[in-house]
Every structure is written in structure tokens, then in C-alpha cells.
Amino acid sequence: MDGRTDFTALEHEDGSRWGDGDPGYTITVGANYLRSTGGDAGTVNGQFYGANHEGVGGSVERTDLTGAFGAVRR
């Protein structure tokens, strides 16, 4: 499966906008993982967790940003 992920309205700790604030990536999704296949600079990698893949966690790595994300399906 293929899709897209966008990180929107990113800010520095002081509240100022980070870069363009909205890096976005095309992703491919496998059985237990996701990874970027295009889009803005850098990479996105993640893994699904739980018996029914109800959770996801991962990272975004760029030369100017390293961040982590997580989500739970409701």
C-alpha cells in the first residue's frame, strides 16, 4: 500500500515557524512498517505495534531536523 504523510505547522521551541513548517513525504506501507519513498528531503521510517496494528511509532530524519512521532488508532 502507498500513501502520504505530512507534518504540519512545525515550530521552534520559541514558537517561530520552522523552515516552511510543512514537510511531506510519499510512503510505502508493508506488513509491519512504513518508509518514505519520496517527497521532501530526509527520511521517514516507522513500525506498527499491537495485535491489530493499532499503534505506530517512527522517526523523521533530515540534516536540519530529527523528530519522533507516534499515534494510536481509535
PDB file of N, CA and C in Angstrom:
ATOM      1  N   MET A   1       0.842  -1.156   0.000  1.00  0.00           N
ATOM      2  CA  MET A   1       0.000   0.000   0.000  1.00  0.00           C
ATOM      3  C   MET A   1       0.901   1.237   0.000  1.00  0.00           C
ATOM      4  N   ASP A   2       0.491   2.255  -0.705  1.00  0.00           N
ATOM      5  CA  ASP A   2       1.210   3.526  -0.742  1.00  0.00           C
ATOM      6  C   ASP A   2       0.333   4.629  -0.186  1.00  0.00           C
ATOM      7  N   GLY A   3       0.959   5.669   0.313  1.00  0.00           N
ATOM      8  CA  GLY A   3       0.190   6.776   0.869  1.00  0.00           C
ATOM      9  C   GLY A   3       1.043   8.012   0.996  1.00  0.00           C
ATOM     10  N   ARG A   4       0.631   8.889   1.854  1.00  0.00           N
ATOM     11  CA  ARG A   4       1.318  10.164   2.074  1.00  0.00           C
ATOM     12  C   ARG A   4       1.216  10.531   3.554  1.00  0.00           C
ATOM     13  N   THR A   5       2.273  11.140   4.054  1.00  0.00           N
ATOM     14  CA  THR A   5       2.247  11.683   5.404  1.00  0.00           C
ATOM     15  C   THR A   5       2.783  13.104   5.369  1.00  0.00           C
ATOM     16  N   ASP A   6       2.121  13.978   6.073  1.00  0.00           N
ATOM     17  CA  ASP A   6       2.527  15.381   6.143  1.00  0.00           C
ATOM     18  C   ASP A   6       2.638  15.787   7.605  1.00  0.00           C
ATOM     19  N   PHE A   7       3.697  16.503   7.911  1.00  0.00           N
ATOM     20  CA  PHE A   7       3.906  17.052   9.246  1.00  0.00           C
ATOM     21  C   PHE A   7       3.661  18.550   9.121  1.00  0.00           C
ATOM     22  N   THR A   8       2.615  19.036   9.768  1.00  0.00           N
ATOM     23  CA  THR A   8       2.187  20.415   9.525  1.00  0.00           C
ATOM     24  C   THR A   8       2.414  21.318  10.728  1.00  0.00           C
ATOM     25  N   ALA A   9       2.597  22.590  10.426  1.00  0.00           N
ATOM     26  CA  ALA A   9       2.709  23.653  11.428  1.00  0.00           C
ATOM     27  C   ALA A   9       3.845  23.420  12.427  1.00  0.00           C
ATOM     28  N   LEU A  10       5.002  22.930  11.948  1.00  0.00           N
ATOM     29  CA  LEU A  10       6.142  22.715  12.838  1.00  0.00           C
ATOM     30  C   LEU A  10       6.713  24.058  13.286  1.00  0.00           C
ATOM     31  N   GLU A  11       7.082  24.120  14.569  1.00  0.00           N
ATOM     32  CA  GLU A  11       7.617  25.341  15.162  1.00  0.00           C
ATOM     33  C   GLU A  11       8.846  25.040  15.996  1.00  0.00           C
ATOM     34  N   HIS A  12       9.675  26.074  16.161  1.00  0.00           N
ATOM     35  CA  HIS A  12      10.796  26.010  17.097  1.00  0.00           C
ATOM     36  C   HIS A  12      10.234  26.134  18.514  1.00  0.00           C
ATOM     37  N   GLU A  13      11.068  25.855  19.508  1.00  0.00           N
ATOM     38  CA  GLU A  13      10.626  25.960  20.906  1.00  0.00           C
ATOM     39  C   GLU A  13      10.124  27.352  21.254  1.00  0.00           C
ATOM     40  N   ASP A  14      10.645  28.387  20.593  1.00  0.00           N
ATOM     41  CA  ASP A  14      10.215  29.758  20.894  1.00  0.00           C
ATOM     42  C   ASP A  14       8.919  30.145  20.171  1.00  0.00           C
ATOM     43  N   GLY A  15       8.330  29.203  19.422  1.00  0.00           N
ATOM     44  CA  GLY A  15       7.072  29.460  18.738  1.00  0.00           C
ATOM     45  C   GLY A  15       7.203  29.962  17.318  1.00  0.00           C
ATOM     46  N   SER A  16       8.432  30.224  16.864  1.00  0.00           N
ATOM     47  CA  SER A  16       8.612  30.674  15.485  1.00  0.00           C
ATOM     48  C   SER A  16       8.508  29.481  14.530  1.00  0.00           C
ATOM     49  N   ARG A  17       8.061  29.755  13.335  1.00  0.00           N
ATOM     50  CA  ARG A  17       7.856  28.710  12.325  1.00  0.00           C
ATOM     51  C   ARG A  17       9.185  28.071  11.943  1.00  0.00           C
ATOM     52  N   TRP A  18       9.202  26.734  11.842  1.00  0.00           N
ATOM     53  CA  TRP A  18      10.395  26.002  11.431  1.00  0.00           C
ATOM     54  C   TRP A  18      10.379  25.879   9.908  1.00  0.00           C
ATOM     55  N   GLY A  19      11.403  26.396   9.230  1.00  0.00           N
ATOM     56  CA  GLY A  19      11.506  26.294   7.776  1.00  0.00           C
ATOM     57  C   GLY A  19      10.191  26.653   7.111  1.00  0.00           C
ATOM     58  N   ASP A  20       9.730  25.807   6.185  1.00  0.00           N
ATOM     59  CA  ASP A  20       8.415  26.059   5.583  1.00  0.00           C
ATOM     60  C   ASP A  20       7.305  25.504   6.470  1.00  0.00           C
ATOM     61  N   GLY A  21       7.681  24.773   7.541  1.00  0.00           N
ATOM     62  CA  GLY A  21       6.718  24.298   8.531  1.00  0.00           C
ATOM     63  C   GLY A  21       5.931  23.075   8.164  1.00  0.00           C
ATOM     64  N   ASP A  22       6.035  22.617   6.911  1.00  0.00           N
ATOM     65  CA  ASP A  22       5.148  21.544   6.454  1.00  0.00           C
ATOM     66  C   ASP A  22       5.855  20.488   5.595  1.00  0.00           C
ATOM     67  N   PRO A  23       6.842  19.759   6.116  1.00  0.00           N
ATOM     68  CA  PRO A  23       7.452  18.723   5.287  1.00  0.00           C
ATOM     69  C   PRO A  23       6.445  17.593   5.008  1.00  0.00           C
ATOM     70  N   GLY A  24       6.508  17.065   3.796  1.00  0.00           N
ATOM     71  CA  GLY A  24       5.596  15.990   3.411  1.00  0.00           C
ATOM     72  C   GLY A  24       6.331  14.908   2.645  1.00  0.00           C
ATOM     73  N   TYR A  25       5.837  13.694   2.738  1.00  0.00           N
ATOM     74  CA  TYR A  25       6.515  12.537   2.151  1.00  0.00           C
ATOM     75  C   TYR A  25       5.510  11.554   1.563  1.00  0.00           C
ATOM     76  N   THR A  26       5.884  10.936   0.466  1.00  0.00           N
ATOM     77  CA  THR A  26       5.145   9.774  -0.006  1.00  0.00           C
ATOM     78  C   THR A  26       5.727   8.579   0.747  1.00  0.00           C
ATOM     79  N   ILE A  27       4.882   7.633   1.087  1.00  0.00           N
ATOM     80  CA  ILE A  27       5.332   6.472   1.870  1.00  0.00           C
ATOM     81  C   ILE A  27       4.821   5.181   1.250  1.00  0.00           C
ATOM     82  N   THR A  28       5.518   4.121   1.553  1.00  0.00           N
ATOM     83  CA  THR A  28       5.043   2.781   1.261  1.00  0.00           C
ATOM     84  C   THR A  28       4.827   2.086   2.600  1.00  0.00           C
ATOM     85  N   VAL A  29       3.796   1.271   2.673  1.00  0.00           N
ATOM     86  CA  VAL A  29       3.431   0.585   3.912  1.00  0.00           C
ATOM     87  C   VAL A  29       3.518  -0.911   3.672  1.00  0.00           C
ATOM     88  N   GLY A  30       4.278  -1.608   4.521  1.00  0.00           N
ATOM     89  CA  GLY A  30       4.389  -3.058   4.460  1.00  0.00           C
ATOM     90  C   GLY A  30       3.637  -3.686   5.617  1.00  0.00           C
ATOM     91  N   ALA A  31       3.885  -4.938   5.863  1.00  0.00           N
ATOM     92  CA  ALA A  31       3.167  -5.696   6.888  1.00  0.00           C
ATOM     93  C   ALA A  31       3.266  -5.043   8.270  1.00  0.00           C
ATOM     94  N   ASN A  32       4.461  -4.623   8.663  1.00  0.00           N
ATOM     95  CA  ASN A  32       4.652  -4.035   9.993  1.00  0.00           C
ATOM     96  C   ASN A  32       5.445  -2.741   9.964  1.00  0.00           C
ATOM     97  N   TYR A  33       5.594  -2.128   8.798  1.00  0.00           N
ATOM     98  CA  TYR A  33       6.464  -0.958   8.705  1.00  0.00           C
ATOM     99  C   TYR A  33       5.920   0.071   7.724  1.00  0.00           C
ATOM    100  N   LEU A  34       6.504   1.259   7.785  1.00  0.00           N
ATOM    101  CA  LEU A  34       6.301   2.272   6.753  1.00  0.00           C
ATOM    102  C   LEU A  34       7.636   2.958   6.523  1.00  0.00           C
ATOM    103  N   ARG A  35       7.842   3.464   5.312  1.00  0.00           N
ATOM    104  CA  ARG A  35       9.072   4.189   4.989  1.00  0.00           C
ATOM    105  C   ARG A  35       8.806   5.153   3.849  1.00  0.00           C
ATOM    106  N   SER A  36       9.552   6.235   3.844  1.00  0.00           N
ATOM    107  CA  SER A  36       9.365   7.244   2.802  1.00  0.00           C
ATOM    108  C   SER A  36       9.963   6.749   1.492  1.00  0.00           C
ATOM    109  N   THR A  37       9.314   7.153   0.399  1.00  0.00           N
ATOM    110  CA  THR A  37       9.790   6.813  -0.938  1.00  0.00           C
ATOM    111  C   THR A  37       9.982   8.063  -1.790  1.00  0.00           C
ATOM    112  N   GLY A  38       9.684   9.226  -1.238  1.00  0.00           N
ATOM    113  CA  GLY A  38       9.833  10.480  -1.975  1.00  0.00           C
ATOM    114  C   GLY A  38       9.318  11.633  -1.153  1.00  0.00           C
ATOM    115  N   GLY A  39       9.333  12.799  -1.760  1.00  0.00           N
ATOM    116  CA  GLY A  39       8.847  13.994  -1.063  1.00  0.00           C
ATOM    117  C   GLY A  39       9.987  14.887  -0.651  1.00  0.00           C
ATOM    118  N   ASP A  40       9.826  15.578   0.465  1.00  0.00           N
ATOM    119  CA  ASP A  40      10.850  16.498   0.956  1.00  0.00           C
ATOM    120  C   ASP A  40      12.135  15.760   1.304  1.00  0.00           C
ATOM    121  N   ALA A  41      13.182  16.528   1.567  1.00  0.00           N
ATOM    122  CA  ALA A  41      14.476  15.964   1.948  1.00  0.00           C
ATOM    123  C   ALA A  41      14.350  15.144   3.230  1.00  0.00           C
ATOM    124  N   GLY A  42      15.195  14.131   3.369  1.00  0.00           N
ATOM    125  CA  GLY A  42      15.209  13.314   4.573  1.00  0.00           C
ATOM    126  C   GLY A  42      14.436  12.023   4.401  1.00  0.00           C
ATOM    127  N   THR A  43      14.285  11.315   5.522  1.00  0.00           N
ATOM    128  CA  THR A  43      13.609  10.020   5.501  1.00  0.00           C
ATOM    129  C   THR A  43      12.612   9.906   6.641  1.00  0.00           C
ATOM    130  N   VAL A  44      11.589   9.108   6.404  1.00  0.00           N
ATOM    131  CA  VAL A  44      10.608   8.745   7.424  1.00  0.00           C
ATOM    132  C   VAL A  44      10.623   7.235   7.523  1.00  0.00           C
ATOM    133  N   ASN A  45      10.735   6.717   8.727  1.00  0.00           N
ATOM    134  CA  ASN A  45      10.677   5.280   8.980  1.00  0.00           C
ATOM    135  C   ASN A  45       9.787   5.043  10.186  1.00  0.00           C
ATOM    136  N   GLY A  46       9.004   3.975  10.145  1.00  0.00           N
ATOM    137  CA  GLY A  46       8.132   3.678  11.269  1.00  0.00           C
ATOM    138  C   GLY A  46       7.760   2.220  11.327  1.00  0.00           C
ATOM    139  N   GLN A  47       7.132   1.843  12.426  1.00  0.00           N
ATOM    140  CA  GLN A  47       6.711   0.467  12.649  1.00  0.00           C
ATOM    141  C   GLN A  47       5.346   0.468  13.310  1.00  0.00           C
ATOM    142  N   PHE A  48       4.532  -0.518  12.955  1.00  0.00           N
ATOM    143  CA  PHE A  48       3.224  -0.686  13.570  1.00  0.00           C
ATOM    144  C   PHE A  48       3.334  -1.621  14.764  1.00  0.00           C
ATOM    145  N   TYR A  49       2.516  -1.350  15.782  1.00  0.00           N
ATOM    146  CA  TYR A  49       2.563  -2.120  17.025  1.00  0.00           C
ATOM    147  C   TYR A  49       1.170  -2.600  17.402  1.00  0.00           C
ATOM    148  N   GLY A  50       1.127  -3.668  18.192  1.00  0.00           N
ATOM    149  CA  GLY A  50      -0.133  -4.198  18.687  1.00  0.00           C
ATOM    150  C   GLY A  50      -0.665  -5.318  17.822  1.00  0.00           C
ATOM    151  N   ALA A  51      -1.547  -6.107  18.411  1.00  0.00           N
ATOM    152  CA  ALA A  51      -2.102  -7.275  17.723  1.00  0.00           C
ATOM    153  C   ALA A  51      -2.828  -6.910  16.432  1.00  0.00           C
ATOM    154  N   ASN A  52      -3.470  -5.754  16.409  1.00  0.00           N
ATOM    155  CA  ASN A  52      -4.210  -5.309  15.226  1.00  0.00           C
ATOM    156  C   ASN A  52      -3.600  -4.056  14.613  1.00  0.00           C
ATOM    157  N   HIS A  53      -2.304  -3.877  14.827  1.00  0.00           N
ATOM    158  CA  HIS A  53      -1.596  -2.699  14.306  1.00  0.00           C
ATOM    159  C   HIS A  53      -2.270  -1.393  14.715  1.00  0.00           C
ATOM    160  N   GLU A  54      -2.731  -1.330  15.948  1.00  0.00           N
ATOM    161  CA  GLU A  54      -3.437  -0.133  16.402  1.00  0.00           C
ATOM    162  C   GLU A  54      -2.510   1.022  16.773  1.00  0.00           C
ATOM    163  N   GLY A  55      -1.229   0.777  16.846  1.00  0.00           N
ATOM    164  CA  GLY A  55      -0.273   1.829  17.160  1.00  0.00           C
ATOM    165  C   GLY A  55       0.803   1.934  16.094  1.00  0.00           C
ATOM    166  N   VAL A  56       1.393   3.108  15.972  1.00  0.00           N
ATOM    167  CA  VAL A  56       2.510   3.333  15.060  1.00  0.00           C
ATOM    168  C   VAL A  56       3.484   4.287  15.728  1.00  0.00           C
ATOM    169  N   GLY A  57       4.746   4.066  15.508  1.00  0.00           N
ATOM    170  CA  GLY A  57       5.780   4.969  16.004  1.00  0.00           C
ATOM    171  C   GLY A  57       6.898   5.029  14.993  1.00  0.00           C
ATOM    172  N   GLY A  58       7.591   6.151  14.940  1.00  0.00           N
ATOM    173  CA  GLY A  58       8.671   6.260  13.976  1.00  0.00           C
ATOM    174  C   GLY A  58       9.455   7.538  14.121  1.00  0.00           C
ATOM    175  N   SER A  59      10.259   7.815  13.100  1.00  0.00           N
ATOM    176  CA  SER A  59      11.126   8.982  13.130  1.00  0.00           C
ATOM    177  C   SER A  59      11.187   9.663  11.769  1.00  0.00           C
ATOM    178  N   VAL A  60      11.500  10.947  11.828  1.00  0.00           N
ATOM    179  CA  VAL A  60      11.788  11.759  10.649  1.00  0.00           C
ATOM    180  C   VAL A  60      13.217  12.238  10.831  1.00  0.00           C
ATOM    181  N   GLU A  61      14.061  12.015   9.835  1.00  0.00           N
ATOM    182  CA  GLU A  61      15.451  12.445   9.934  1.00  0.00           C
ATOM    183  C   GLU A  61      15.827  13.264   8.707  1.00  0.00           C
ATOM    184  N   ARG A  62      16.322  14.468   8.965  1.00  0.00           N
ATOM    185  CA  ARG A  62      16.802  15.385   7.931  1.00  0.00           C
ATOM    186  C   ARG A  62      18.107  15.994   8.421  1.00  0.00           C
ATOM    187  N   THR A  63      18.780  16.736   7.577  1.00  0.00           N
ATOM    188  CA  THR A  63      20.012  17.399   8.036  1.00  0.00           C
ATOM    189  C   THR A  63      19.706  18.504   9.037  1.00  0.00           C
ATOM    190  N   ASP A  64      18.493  19.065   8.979  1.00  0.00           N
ATOM    191  CA  ASP A  64      18.135  20.181   9.850  1.00  0.00           C
ATOM    192  C   ASP A  64      17.054  19.839  10.879  1.00  0.00           C
ATOM    193  N   LEU A  65      16.711  18.555  10.990  1.00  0.00           N
ATOM    194  CA  LEU A  65      15.638  18.159  11.909  1.00  0.00           C
ATOM    195  C   LEU A  65      15.712  16.666  12.180  1.00  0.00           C
ATOM    196  N   THR A  66      15.558  16.284  13.428  1.00  0.00           N
ATOM    197  CA  THR A  66      15.345  14.897  13.810  1.00  0.00           C
ATOM    198  C   THR A  66      14.159  14.893  14.752  1.00  0.00           C
ATOM    199  N   GLY A  67      13.155  14.109  14.437  1.00  0.00           N
ATOM    200  CA  GLY A  67      11.955  14.087  15.263  1.00  0.00           C
ATOM    201  C   GLY A  67      11.360  12.695  15.347  1.00  0.00           C
ATOM    202  N   ALA A  68      10.532  12.492  16.347  1.00  0.00           N
ATOM    203  CA  ALA A  68       9.838  11.217  16.552  1.00  0.00           C
ATOM    204  C   ALA A  68       8.352  11.462  16.551  1.00  0.00           C
ATOM    205  N   PHE A  69       7.578  10.442  16.176  1.00  0.00           N
ATOM    206  CA  PHE A  69       6.120  10.552  16.175  1.00  0.00           C
ATOM    207  C   PHE A  69       5.508   9.240  16.635  1.00  0.00           C
ATOM    208  N   GLY A  70       4.285   9.328  17.079  1.00  0.00           N
ATOM    209  CA  GLY A  70       3.535   8.145  17.476  1.00  0.00           C
ATOM    210  C   GLY A  70       2.043   8.437  17.385  1.00  0.00           C
ATOM    211  N   ALA A  71       1.263   7.391  17.192  1.00  0.00           N
ATOM    212  CA  ALA A  71      -0.186   7.542  17.098  1.00  0.00           C
ATOM    213  C   ALA A  71      -0.844   6.236  17.496  1.00  0.00           C
ATOM    214  N   VAL A  72      -2.101   6.349  17.935  1.00  0.00           N
ATOM    215  CA  VAL A  72      -2.913   5.178  18.282  1.00  0.00           C
ATOM    216  C   VAL A  72      -4.237   5.304  17.556  1.00  0.00           C
ATOM    217  N   ARG A  73      -4.655   4.223  16.916  1.00  0.00           N
ATOM    218  CA  ARG A  73      -5.955   4.207  16.236  1.00  0.00           C
ATOM    219  C   ARG A  73      -7.057   4.105  17.277  1.00  0.00           C
ATOM    220  N   ARG A  74      -8.116   4.860  17.076  1.00  0.00           N
ATOM    221  CA  ARG A  74      -9.261   4.826  17.994  1.00  0.00           C
ATOM    222  C   ARG A  74     -10.472   4.333  17.294  1.00  0.00           C
TER     223      ARG A  74
END
